[in-house]
Amino acid sequence: MLKATTETRVLGQTTKWIRTDRPFNFPTSVRQALQILDDAGHIAYIVGGSVRDFLLGPEWTKKTKDHDIATSASPDDLVRLFPNAVTVGKAFGVIKVPVEDSRSPFLEIATFRKDLEYKDHRHPTGILFAGPTEDARRRDFSINGLFYDPKTARILDVVDGIDDLRKKVIRAIGNPMERFKEDALRLLRAVRFSTYLGFDLDPATADAIRARARLISKVSGERVRDELTLMWTGPRPMKALKLLSDLGLLVHILPELDKLKGLENFQNSPGDGDVWSHTLKVVDVLAKQNEARMPQLAWAALLQDIGKPIAARRSSKKNFNAHELDGAKIAKDIGERLKMAKSDIDVIAWMVEEHLKFREVFQMRESTLQRFIRQPGFDQLLKLYRAEATATDGNLAFYEFCASRYDEYQKRAKLEGEAKLISGEDLIQLGLSPGPKFSEILRTIEDLALEKKLHSKEEALEFVVKNFVG
């Protein structure tokens, strides 16, 4: 796909170009923006992840979510050329143009620049406008420092990114110790790219991550959350979890998980290993069973045993009783620390608390079972328990029973709807006064209906008259 290298001068710099022999197809909005910049006399290249995906091949190009443009146009030029752009990042030479034909709502266009000293391990104190060579060398990893010139179908590579793509290696540009000191979020991005692409970490880059691992505490909870969520919902969450541990990052971002190491897993089958090993198995099995996973489900799989260290300390027999309740509380604490939405926190904590109730279903009353499977989000809870059971001993009897009953419920609900037999208004018409008794009566009627002992409103009202009126 790549042809001979040629040299030209761009903005006074000698640059090396590699010609491609297949088209780079990108959205119309990107093509139009490039044309606007070209018509105004500016150099403009596509840069970053979409170029990397293009070089990896069609399978990866289909996954590209956005396209970024780097240009010689100044920020003032960009604002004039794209009057509808969001200009919050203009001071750093970046604007965002709203688009409708892409997976991302914005097209990011940035002026070629060189970053000045970083002040907080995240943001530079300022920038200097420069050329593509300096712009490439300020970026994080070599595979993300490639430019594509749409006018000549050539790749500009001043950081040996193409060679690293061939070797399947994630390598920090320049001095890795400096790259991670500048922006500590790159510590997590290295792990994410490694696990998403299936690439190895360059040894010097990995060593620098270990040396700079403590700096991850300088990054906001929101940014840590976003990177981790992409790892857990990506193709290799187990590898991501192992790498975070091996590189010394896990203890700084999720110390609760780090405590699972070496904790004997009494509750699971013999030979299942410690709780840490079991957690690795669960996230791996979940990914294999569900290529696409909701973030809440992925996080719940990661945290499903997070309460076991507390339960083990509480019990002299180390039997882990009630670890789900401890886990739900810890899951909430983690969610709040990572600035998750309250709705996401509630769902994750609910799944952690409920995921082992499947083992009780054969002893449940029919009404209790029906309430269990009718909970909102039960389809996701089923997926979690299937992964947990597969990773434990492979016994899917509880899962298959509940999956069958849930399927029956879904089909019946579509045909019959979910109307209750009676309401509080019906009880008032029978002469009963609103109060605590109402809840008891309505709950009793609902139980009997779920157990198929009452089938109509008339039967329900007759039961209330006989048992609660007078």
Protein backbone atom coordinates (compact mmCIF):
# COMPACT_ATOMS: atom_id res chain seq x y z
CA MET A 1 0.00 0.00 0.00
CA LEU A 2 2.93 2.36 0.71
CA LYS A 3 5.32 3.36 -2.04
CA ALA A 4 8.64 5.19 -2.36
CA THR A 5 9.71 7.97 -0.02
CA THR A 6 10.24 11.48 -1.40
CA GLU A 7 11.51 14.70 0.17
CA THR A 8 9.97 18.17 -0.15
CA ARG A 9 10.01 21.40 1.83
CA VAL A 10 6.94 22.52 3.76
CA LEU A 11 6.98 25.84 5.62
CA GLY A 12 10.76 25.92 5.36
CA GLN A 13 11.23 22.38 6.66
CA THR A 14 12.50 19.33 4.78
CA THR A 15 9.89 16.62 5.09
CA LYS A 16 9.75 12.99 4.04
CA TRP A 17 6.66 11.70 2.31
CA ILE A 18 5.44 8.19 1.55
CA ARG A 19 2.92 7.74 -1.26
CA THR A 20 -0.14 5.49 -0.83
CA ASP A 21 -1.78 3.47 -3.58
CA ARG A 22 -5.37 3.29 -2.31
CA PRO A 23 -7.92 6.03 -1.61
CA PHE A 24 -8.55 7.44 1.83
CA ASN A 25 -12.34 7.82 2.03
CA PHE A 26 -13.52 10.34 4.58
CA PRO A 27 -16.81 12.19 5.18
CA THR A 28 -18.00 14.99 2.93
CA SER A 29 -17.72 17.49 5.79
CA VAL A 30 -13.99 16.74 6.09
CA ARG A 31 -13.49 17.06 2.35
CA GLN A 32 -15.32 20.39 2.30
CA ALA A 33 -13.27 21.77 5.21
CA LEU A 34 -10.04 20.75 3.48
CA GLN A 35 -11.22 22.47 0.31
CA ILE A 36 -12.08 25.68 2.18
CA LEU A 37 -8.59 25.77 3.69
CA ASP A 38 -6.94 24.99 0.34
CA ASP A 39 -8.94 27.69 -1.48
CA ALA A 40 -7.77 30.21 1.13
CA GLY A 41 -4.14 29.28 0.41
CA HIS A 42 -3.46 27.23 3.56
CA ILE A 43 -1.79 23.84 3.95
CA ALA A 44 -4.16 21.30 5.52
CA TYR A 45 -3.62 17.64 6.41
CA ILE A 46 -5.65 14.94 8.13
CA VAL A 47 -3.82 13.87 11.27
CA GLY A 48 -3.95 11.36 14.10
CA GLY A 49 -6.11 8.33 14.69
CA SER A 50 -7.96 8.28 11.39
CA VAL A 51 -4.64 8.21 9.49
CA ARG A 52 -3.47 5.38 11.73
CA ASP A 53 -6.69 3.45 11.05
CA PHE A 54 -6.38 4.09 7.30
CA LEU A 55 -2.91 2.55 7.27
CA LEU A 56 -4.06 -0.43 9.36
CA GLY A 57 -6.61 -1.28 6.68
CA PRO A 58 -10.34 -1.29 5.83
CA GLU A 59 -11.31 -3.26 8.94
CA TRP A 60 -9.97 -0.46 11.13
CA THR A 61 -11.17 2.40 8.90
CA LYS A 62 -14.75 1.24 9.55
CA LYS A 63 -14.17 1.85 13.27
CA THR A 64 -12.89 5.42 12.85
CA LYS A 65 -15.07 7.80 14.86
CA ASP A 66 -13.64 11.17 13.89
CA HIS A 67 -11.15 12.93 11.64
CA ASP A 68 -8.89 15.78 12.79
CA ILE A 69 -7.31 18.40 10.56
CA ALA A 70 -3.99 20.19 11.15
CA THR A 71 -3.32 23.32 9.14
CA SER A 72 -1.06 26.30 8.58
CA ALA A 73 -4.06 28.63 9.01
CA SER A 74 -3.92 30.79 12.13
CA PRO A 75 -6.71 30.67 14.73
CA ASP A 76 -8.04 34.00 13.44
CA ASP A 77 -8.07 32.59 9.90
CA LEU A 78 -9.94 29.54 11.11
CA VAL A 79 -12.62 31.59 12.87
CA ARG A 80 -13.09 33.67 9.74
CA LEU A 81 -13.27 30.63 7.44
CA PHE A 82 -15.58 28.65 9.75
CA PRO A 83 -17.91 31.22 11.37
CA ASN A 84 -20.14 28.55 12.96
CA ALA A 85 -17.25 26.91 14.83
CA VAL A 86 -16.99 26.47 18.59
CA THR A 87 -13.95 28.54 19.59
CA VAL A 88 -13.41 27.58 23.23
CA GLY A 89 -9.95 26.20 22.38
CA LYS A 90 -8.91 29.08 20.12
CA ALA A 91 -6.14 30.21 22.51
CA PHE A 92 -4.47 26.86 21.87
CA GLY A 93 -5.07 27.03 18.15
CA VAL A 94 -8.07 24.70 18.08
CA ILE A 95 -11.63 25.14 16.82
CA LYS A 96 -14.47 22.64 16.49
CA VAL A 97 -16.77 22.76 13.49
CA PRO A 98 -20.26 21.18 13.84
CA VAL A 99 -20.84 18.36 11.32
CA GLU A 100 -23.71 15.98 10.62
CA ASP A 101 -22.18 13.26 8.45
CA SER A 102 -19.73 11.82 10.97
CA ARG A 103 -19.86 9.67 14.10
CA SER A 104 -18.53 12.67 15.99
CA PRO A 105 -20.64 15.85 16.22
CA PHE A 106 -17.57 18.05 15.64
CA LEU A 107 -14.65 18.24 13.24
CA GLU A 108 -11.56 19.46 15.10
CA ILE A 109 -9.27 21.78 13.15
CA ALA A 110 -6.00 22.94 14.73
CA THR A 111 -3.14 25.19 13.71
CA PHE A 112 0.29 23.54 13.47
CA ARG A 113 1.85 24.29 16.84
CA LYS A 114 4.51 23.54 19.39
CA ASP A 115 3.58 23.30 23.08
CA LEU A 116 5.40 25.33 25.70
CA GLU A 117 6.15 24.07 29.21
CA TYR A 118 3.39 22.11 30.95
CA LYS A 119 2.27 23.46 34.32
CA ASP A 120 0.05 20.76 35.82
CA HIS A 121 1.00 17.51 34.08
CA ARG A 122 -1.96 18.06 31.75
CA HIS A 123 -1.95 21.48 30.02
CA PRO A 124 0.79 23.56 28.38
CA THR A 125 1.32 27.11 29.62
CA GLY A 126 1.11 28.26 26.01
CA ILE A 127 1.86 27.41 22.40
CA LEU A 128 3.97 28.60 19.50
CA PHE A 129 2.65 28.31 15.98
CA ALA A 130 5.00 26.15 13.95
CA GLY A 131 5.13 23.65 11.10
CA PRO A 132 4.01 20.02 10.73
CA THR A 133 7.31 18.61 11.98
CA GLU A 134 7.08 20.37 15.36
CA ASP A 135 3.38 19.58 15.49
CA ALA A 136 4.05 15.87 15.04
CA ARG A 137 6.79 15.83 17.68
CA ARG A 138 4.56 17.35 20.38
CA ARG A 139 2.06 14.48 20.10
CA ASP A 140 1.82 11.41 22.32
CA PHE A 141 2.63 8.24 20.37
CA SER A 142 4.31 7.68 17.03
CA ILE A 143 1.31 5.89 15.52
CA ASN A 144 -0.78 9.02 16.20
CA GLY A 145 1.77 11.46 14.75
CA LEU A 146 1.12 10.78 11.05
CA PHE A 147 -0.25 13.32 8.54
CA TYR A 148 -2.16 12.57 5.32
CA ASP A 149 -2.08 15.07 2.44
CA PRO A 150 -5.36 14.59 0.50
CA LYS A 151 -4.05 16.56 -2.51
CA THR A 152 -1.17 14.18 -3.19
CA ALA A 153 -2.31 10.99 -1.37
CA ARG A 154 0.91 10.96 0.64
CA ILE A 155 1.77 10.28 4.29
CA LEU A 156 4.11 12.57 6.23
CA ASP A 157 5.96 10.58 8.90
CA VAL A 158 8.64 12.39 10.90
CA VAL A 159 8.29 10.16 14.00
CA ASP A 160 8.70 6.66 12.49
CA GLY A 161 5.06 5.91 13.14
CA ILE A 162 4.70 3.73 10.05
CA ASP A 163 7.53 1.51 11.22
CA ASP A 164 5.87 1.13 14.63
CA LEU A 165 2.58 0.24 12.93
CA ARG A 166 4.38 -2.52 11.07
CA LYS A 167 6.00 -3.74 14.31
CA LYS A 168 2.70 -3.37 16.21
CA VAL A 169 4.32 -1.27 18.92
CA ILE A 170 3.07 1.66 21.03
CA ARG A 171 6.03 4.04 21.42
CA ALA A 172 6.06 7.51 22.95
CA ILE A 173 7.41 10.21 20.65
CA GLY A 174 10.80 11.51 21.73
CA ASN A 175 11.75 11.10 25.41
CA PRO A 176 8.98 9.03 27.04
CA MET A 177 9.76 10.35 30.52
CA GLU A 178 9.12 13.87 29.24
CA ARG A 179 5.97 12.91 27.32
CA PHE A 180 4.36 11.43 30.44
CA LYS A 181 5.53 14.25 32.68
CA GLU A 182 3.92 16.75 30.30
CA ASP A 183 0.55 15.02 30.17
CA ALA A 184 -0.17 12.28 32.70
CA LEU A 185 -3.32 11.18 30.87
CA ARG A 186 -0.96 9.63 28.31
CA LEU A 187 -0.16 6.98 30.94
CA LEU A 188 -3.67 5.58 30.49
CA ARG A 189 -3.85 6.28 26.76
CA ALA A 190 -0.79 4.08 26.23
CA VAL A 191 -2.60 1.17 27.88
CA ARG A 192 -5.80 1.86 25.97
CA PHE A 193 -4.10 1.95 22.57
CA SER A 194 -2.10 -1.18 23.39
CA THR A 195 -5.19 -3.17 24.32
CA TYR A 196 -7.49 -1.70 21.66
CA LEU A 197 -5.05 -2.34 18.81
CA GLY A 198 -3.49 -5.49 20.23
CA PHE A 199 -0.02 -3.87 20.12
CA ASP A 200 2.88 -4.29 22.54
CA LEU A 201 4.31 -1.43 24.56
CA ASP A 202 7.81 -0.32 23.57
CA PRO A 203 10.10 -1.29 26.51
CA ALA A 204 11.35 2.27 27.09
CA THR A 205 7.77 3.55 27.00
CA ALA A 206 6.66 0.89 29.51
CA ASP A 207 9.56 1.71 31.83
CA ALA A 208 8.66 5.40 31.71
CA ILE A 209 5.05 4.61 32.61
CA ARG A 210 6.19 2.69 35.68
CA ALA A 211 8.46 5.56 36.68
CA ARG A 212 5.73 8.17 36.21
CA ALA A 213 2.74 6.10 37.39
CA ARG A 214 2.06 8.23 40.47
CA LEU A 215 1.36 11.24 38.22
CA ILE A 216 -1.96 9.70 37.19
CA SER A 217 -3.36 11.11 40.44
CA LYS A 218 -2.99 14.57 38.85
CA VAL A 219 -5.62 13.71 36.22
CA SER A 220 -9.30 14.52 36.83
CA GLY A 221 -11.68 11.72 37.71
CA GLU A 222 -13.71 12.38 34.56
CA ARG A 223 -10.76 11.82 32.23
CA VAL A 224 -9.65 8.70 34.11
CA ARG A 225 -13.21 7.37 33.96
CA ASP A 226 -13.47 7.92 30.22
CA GLU A 227 -10.19 6.13 29.47
CA LEU A 228 -11.05 3.20 31.73
CA THR A 229 -14.53 2.85 30.26
CA LEU A 230 -13.04 2.61 26.78
CA MET A 231 -10.73 -0.15 28.06
CA TRP A 232 -13.51 -2.14 29.77
CA THR A 233 -15.79 -1.93 26.72
CA GLY A 234 -12.94 -2.57 24.27
CA PRO A 235 -11.83 -5.91 22.81
CA ARG A 236 -9.25 -6.83 25.51
CA PRO A 237 -10.37 -5.68 28.98
CA MET A 238 -8.44 -8.44 30.76
CA LYS A 239 -5.19 -7.36 29.11
CA ALA A 240 -5.96 -3.76 30.06
CA LEU A 241 -6.51 -4.72 33.70
CA LYS A 242 -3.29 -6.74 33.79
CA LEU A 243 -1.30 -3.92 32.19
CA LEU A 244 -2.67 -1.33 34.59
CA SER A 245 -1.54 -3.59 37.43
CA ASP A 246 1.85 -4.50 35.97
CA LEU A 247 2.67 -0.86 35.18
CA GLY A 248 1.82 0.32 38.70
CA LEU A 249 -1.19 2.41 37.65
CA LEU A 250 -4.00 0.37 39.19
CA VAL A 251 -3.03 1.08 42.78
CA HIS A 252 -3.37 4.82 42.10
CA ILE A 253 -6.69 4.80 40.21
CA LEU A 254 -8.57 1.77 41.57
CA PRO A 255 -6.84 0.74 44.81
CA GLU A 256 -9.93 -1.26 45.76
CA LEU A 257 -9.20 -3.67 42.92
CA ASP A 258 -5.55 -3.92 43.88
CA LYS A 259 -6.66 -5.31 47.25
CA LEU A 260 -8.15 -8.38 45.54
CA LYS A 261 -4.69 -9.79 44.83
CA GLY A 262 -3.81 -12.77 46.99
CA LEU A 263 -7.27 -12.91 48.63
CA GLU A 264 -8.35 -16.55 48.64
CA ASN A 265 -11.61 -17.03 46.78
CA PHE A 266 -13.38 -19.38 49.21
CA GLN A 267 -16.79 -18.76 47.69
CA ASN A 268 -15.93 -20.07 44.23
CA SER A 269 -14.89 -23.48 42.99
CA PRO A 270 -11.56 -25.12 43.90
CA GLY A 271 -8.77 -24.12 41.58
CA ASP A 272 -10.48 -20.83 40.69
CA GLY A 273 -7.53 -18.90 42.13
CA ASP A 274 -7.65 -15.76 44.20
CA VAL A 275 -10.29 -13.06 43.85
CA TRP A 276 -8.04 -11.07 41.51
CA SER A 277 -7.69 -14.04 39.14
CA HIS A 278 -11.44 -14.59 39.22
CA THR A 279 -12.07 -10.93 38.36
CA LEU A 280 -9.73 -11.21 35.39
CA LYS A 281 -11.66 -14.27 34.21
CA VAL A 282 -15.03 -12.57 34.54
CA VAL A 283 -14.11 -9.48 32.51
CA ASP A 284 -12.49 -11.70 29.89
CA VAL A 285 -15.49 -14.02 29.61
CA LEU A 286 -17.93 -11.10 29.49
CA ALA A 287 -16.02 -9.59 26.55
CA LYS A 288 -15.99 -12.91 24.69
CA GLN A 289 -19.69 -13.48 25.28
CA ASN A 290 -20.69 -9.90 24.42
CA GLU A 291 -18.59 -8.14 21.78
CA ALA A 292 -20.59 -4.94 22.37
CA ARG A 293 -21.11 -4.10 26.03
CA MET A 294 -22.87 -1.30 27.83
CA PRO A 295 -20.46 0.66 30.07
CA GLN A 296 -22.52 -0.06 33.18
CA LEU A 297 -22.33 -3.80 32.53
CA ALA A 298 -18.59 -3.67 31.89
CA TRP A 299 -17.98 -1.76 35.12
CA ALA A 300 -20.23 -4.13 37.10
CA ALA A 301 -18.25 -7.13 35.84
CA LEU A 302 -15.05 -5.45 36.99
CA LEU A 303 -16.46 -4.64 40.44
CA GLN A 304 -18.65 -7.69 41.12
CA ASP A 305 -16.28 -9.01 43.83
CA ILE A 306 -15.00 -5.67 45.08
CA GLY A 307 -16.60 -6.17 48.52
CA LYS A 308 -14.85 -9.43 49.35
CA PRO A 309 -11.85 -7.94 51.21
CA ILE A 310 -14.22 -6.24 53.67
CA ALA A 311 -16.38 -9.35 54.02
CA ALA A 312 -13.29 -11.48 54.65
CA ARG A 313 -12.10 -9.17 57.43
CA ARG A 314 -15.54 -9.13 59.02
CA SER A 315 -15.92 -12.91 59.10
CA SER A 316 -13.62 -15.06 61.21
CA LYS A 317 -14.43 -17.95 58.85
CA LYS A 318 -13.69 -15.89 55.73
CA ASN A 319 -16.90 -17.04 54.08
CA PHE A 320 -17.59 -13.76 52.26
CA ASN A 321 -21.21 -13.59 53.43
CA ALA A 322 -22.97 -10.44 52.21
CA HIS A 323 -20.00 -9.28 50.14
CA GLU A 324 -22.47 -8.04 47.50
CA LEU A 325 -23.77 -5.38 49.89
CA ASP A 326 -20.24 -4.26 50.68
CA GLY A 327 -19.45 -4.31 46.97
CA ALA A 328 -22.45 -2.15 46.07
CA LYS A 329 -21.33 0.50 48.56
CA ILE A 330 -17.75 0.47 47.27
CA ALA A 331 -19.00 0.62 43.69
CA LYS A 332 -20.92 3.78 44.56
CA ASP A 333 -17.83 5.30 46.16
CA ILE A 334 -15.77 4.54 43.05
CA GLY A 335 -18.44 5.94 40.76
CA GLU A 336 -18.61 9.17 42.73
CA ARG A 337 -14.82 9.49 42.77
CA LEU A 338 -14.72 9.08 38.99
CA LYS A 339 -17.57 11.58 38.54
CA MET A 340 -19.94 9.08 36.93
CA ALA A 341 -23.55 10.08 36.31
CA LYS A 342 -25.77 9.16 39.26
CA SER A 343 -27.91 6.97 37.02
CA ASP A 344 -24.82 4.98 35.98
CA ILE A 345 -23.65 4.65 39.59
CA ASP A 346 -27.05 3.34 40.65
CA VAL A 347 -27.16 0.74 37.86
CA ILE A 348 -23.62 -0.51 38.54
CA ALA A 349 -24.22 -0.76 42.29
CA TRP A 350 -27.54 -2.54 41.69
CA MET A 351 -25.88 -5.15 39.45
CA VAL A 352 -23.08 -5.72 41.96
CA GLU A 353 -25.64 -6.21 44.74
CA GLU A 354 -28.02 -8.44 42.76
CA HIS A 355 -25.70 -10.58 40.64
CA LEU A 356 -25.58 -13.60 42.97
CA LYS A 357 -29.32 -13.77 43.69
CA PHE A 358 -29.55 -16.10 40.72
CA ARG A 359 -28.30 -18.87 43.01
CA GLU A 360 -31.47 -18.52 45.10
CA VAL A 361 -34.04 -18.70 42.29
CA PHE A 362 -34.99 -22.36 42.77
CA GLN A 363 -36.05 -21.57 46.36
CA MET A 364 -37.94 -18.35 45.54
CA ARG A 365 -41.71 -17.99 45.70
CA GLU A 366 -43.14 -17.44 42.26
CA SER A 367 -44.01 -13.83 43.10
CA THR A 368 -40.45 -13.18 44.33
CA LEU A 369 -39.00 -14.73 41.19
CA GLN A 370 -41.31 -12.65 39.00
CA ARG A 371 -40.27 -9.45 40.78
CA PHE A 372 -36.63 -10.43 40.36
CA ILE A 373 -36.82 -10.95 36.60
CA ARG A 374 -39.08 -7.93 36.02
CA GLN A 375 -36.54 -5.44 37.33
CA PRO A 376 -35.47 -2.78 34.82
CA GLY A 377 -32.15 -3.79 33.30
CA PHE A 378 -32.55 -7.49 34.08
CA ASP A 379 -31.30 -8.40 30.60
CA GLN A 380 -27.94 -6.82 31.53
CA LEU A 381 -27.91 -8.57 34.91
CA LEU A 382 -28.41 -11.87 33.07
CA LYS A 383 -25.29 -11.18 30.99
CA LEU A 384 -23.29 -10.40 34.10
CA TYR A 385 -24.32 -13.59 35.88
CA ARG A 386 -23.70 -15.70 32.78
CA ALA A 387 -20.11 -14.39 32.66
CA GLU A 388 -19.65 -14.87 36.43
CA ALA A 389 -20.99 -18.45 36.35
CA THR A 390 -18.93 -19.35 33.29
CA ALA A 391 -15.79 -17.99 34.94
CA THR A 392 -16.53 -19.82 38.23
CA ASP A 393 -17.50 -23.43 37.52
CA GLY A 394 -19.38 -23.34 34.22
CA ASN A 395 -22.70 -24.25 35.87
CA LEU A 396 -25.30 -22.29 33.89
CA ALA A 397 -28.41 -23.96 35.35
CA PHE A 398 -29.51 -20.86 37.28
CA TYR A 399 -28.77 -18.64 34.28
CA GLU A 400 -30.67 -20.82 31.81
CA PHE A 401 -33.68 -21.08 34.12
CA CYS A 402 -33.88 -17.31 34.60
CA ALA A 403 -33.20 -16.60 30.93
CA SER A 404 -36.09 -18.88 30.00
CA ARG A 405 -38.47 -17.29 32.51
CA TYR A 406 -37.40 -13.80 31.46
CA ASP A 407 -38.07 -14.68 27.82
CA GLU A 408 -41.54 -15.94 28.77
CA TYR A 409 -42.21 -12.73 30.69
CA GLN A 410 -41.08 -10.57 27.76
CA LYS A 411 -43.35 -12.38 25.31
CA ARG A 412 -46.31 -12.27 27.69
CA ALA A 413 -45.79 -8.59 28.45
CA LYS A 414 -45.92 -7.73 24.75
CA LEU A 415 -49.20 -9.59 24.34
CA GLU A 416 -50.95 -8.66 27.57
CA GLY A 417 -49.35 -5.42 28.73
CA GLU A 418 -48.41 -4.75 32.33
CA ALA A 419 -51.64 -3.35 33.77
CA LYS A 420 -52.17 -4.13 37.48
CA LEU A 421 -55.39 -5.81 38.52
CA ILE A 422 -56.43 -3.07 40.98
CA SER A 423 -55.25 0.35 42.11
CA GLY A 424 -55.53 2.54 45.17
CA GLU A 425 -58.58 4.19 43.63
CA ASP A 426 -60.33 0.81 43.62
CA LEU A 427 -59.61 0.37 47.33
CA ILE A 428 -61.06 3.81 48.12
CA GLN A 429 -64.23 2.86 46.26
CA LEU A 430 -64.49 -0.19 48.53
CA GLY A 431 -64.56 2.17 51.51
CA LEU A 432 -60.96 1.75 52.61
CA SER A 433 -58.97 4.78 53.76
CA PRO A 434 -55.51 5.55 52.29
CA GLY A 435 -52.65 4.54 54.58
CA PRO A 436 -50.02 1.87 55.24
CA LYS A 437 -52.69 -0.82 54.77
CA PHE A 438 -52.97 0.17 51.09
CA SER A 439 -49.42 -0.95 50.32
CA GLU A 440 -49.95 -4.28 52.09
CA ILE A 441 -53.15 -4.97 50.15
CA LEU A 442 -51.74 -3.97 46.76
CA ARG A 443 -48.60 -6.02 47.38
CA THR A 444 -50.68 -9.07 48.33
CA ILE A 445 -52.81 -8.75 45.20
CA GLU A 446 -49.72 -8.35 43.04
CA ASP A 447 -48.14 -11.47 44.60
CA LEU A 448 -51.25 -13.53 43.93
CA ALA A 449 -51.45 -12.25 40.36
CA LEU A 450 -47.80 -13.10 39.72
CA GLU A 451 -48.43 -16.58 41.12
CA LYS A 452 -51.44 -16.97 38.77
CA LYS A 453 -53.87 -17.31 41.69
CA LEU A 454 -55.81 -14.20 40.66
CA HIS A 455 -56.57 -13.51 37.01
CA SER A 456 -58.97 -10.58 36.79
CA LYS A 457 -59.97 -7.36 38.48
CA GLU A 458 -63.20 -8.96 39.65
CA GLU A 459 -61.35 -11.80 41.39
CA ALA A 460 -58.95 -9.31 42.98
CA LEU A 461 -61.75 -7.11 44.33
CA GLU A 462 -63.58 -10.16 45.69
CA PHE A 463 -60.41 -11.25 47.49
CA VAL A 464 -59.98 -7.79 49.06
CA VAL A 465 -63.61 -7.73 50.25
CA LYS A 466 -63.27 -11.17 51.85
CA ASN A 467 -59.92 -10.55 53.52
CA PHE A 468 -59.54 -6.82 54.20
CA VAL A 469 -62.98 -5.13 54.29
CA GLY A 470 -65.11 -5.12 57.38
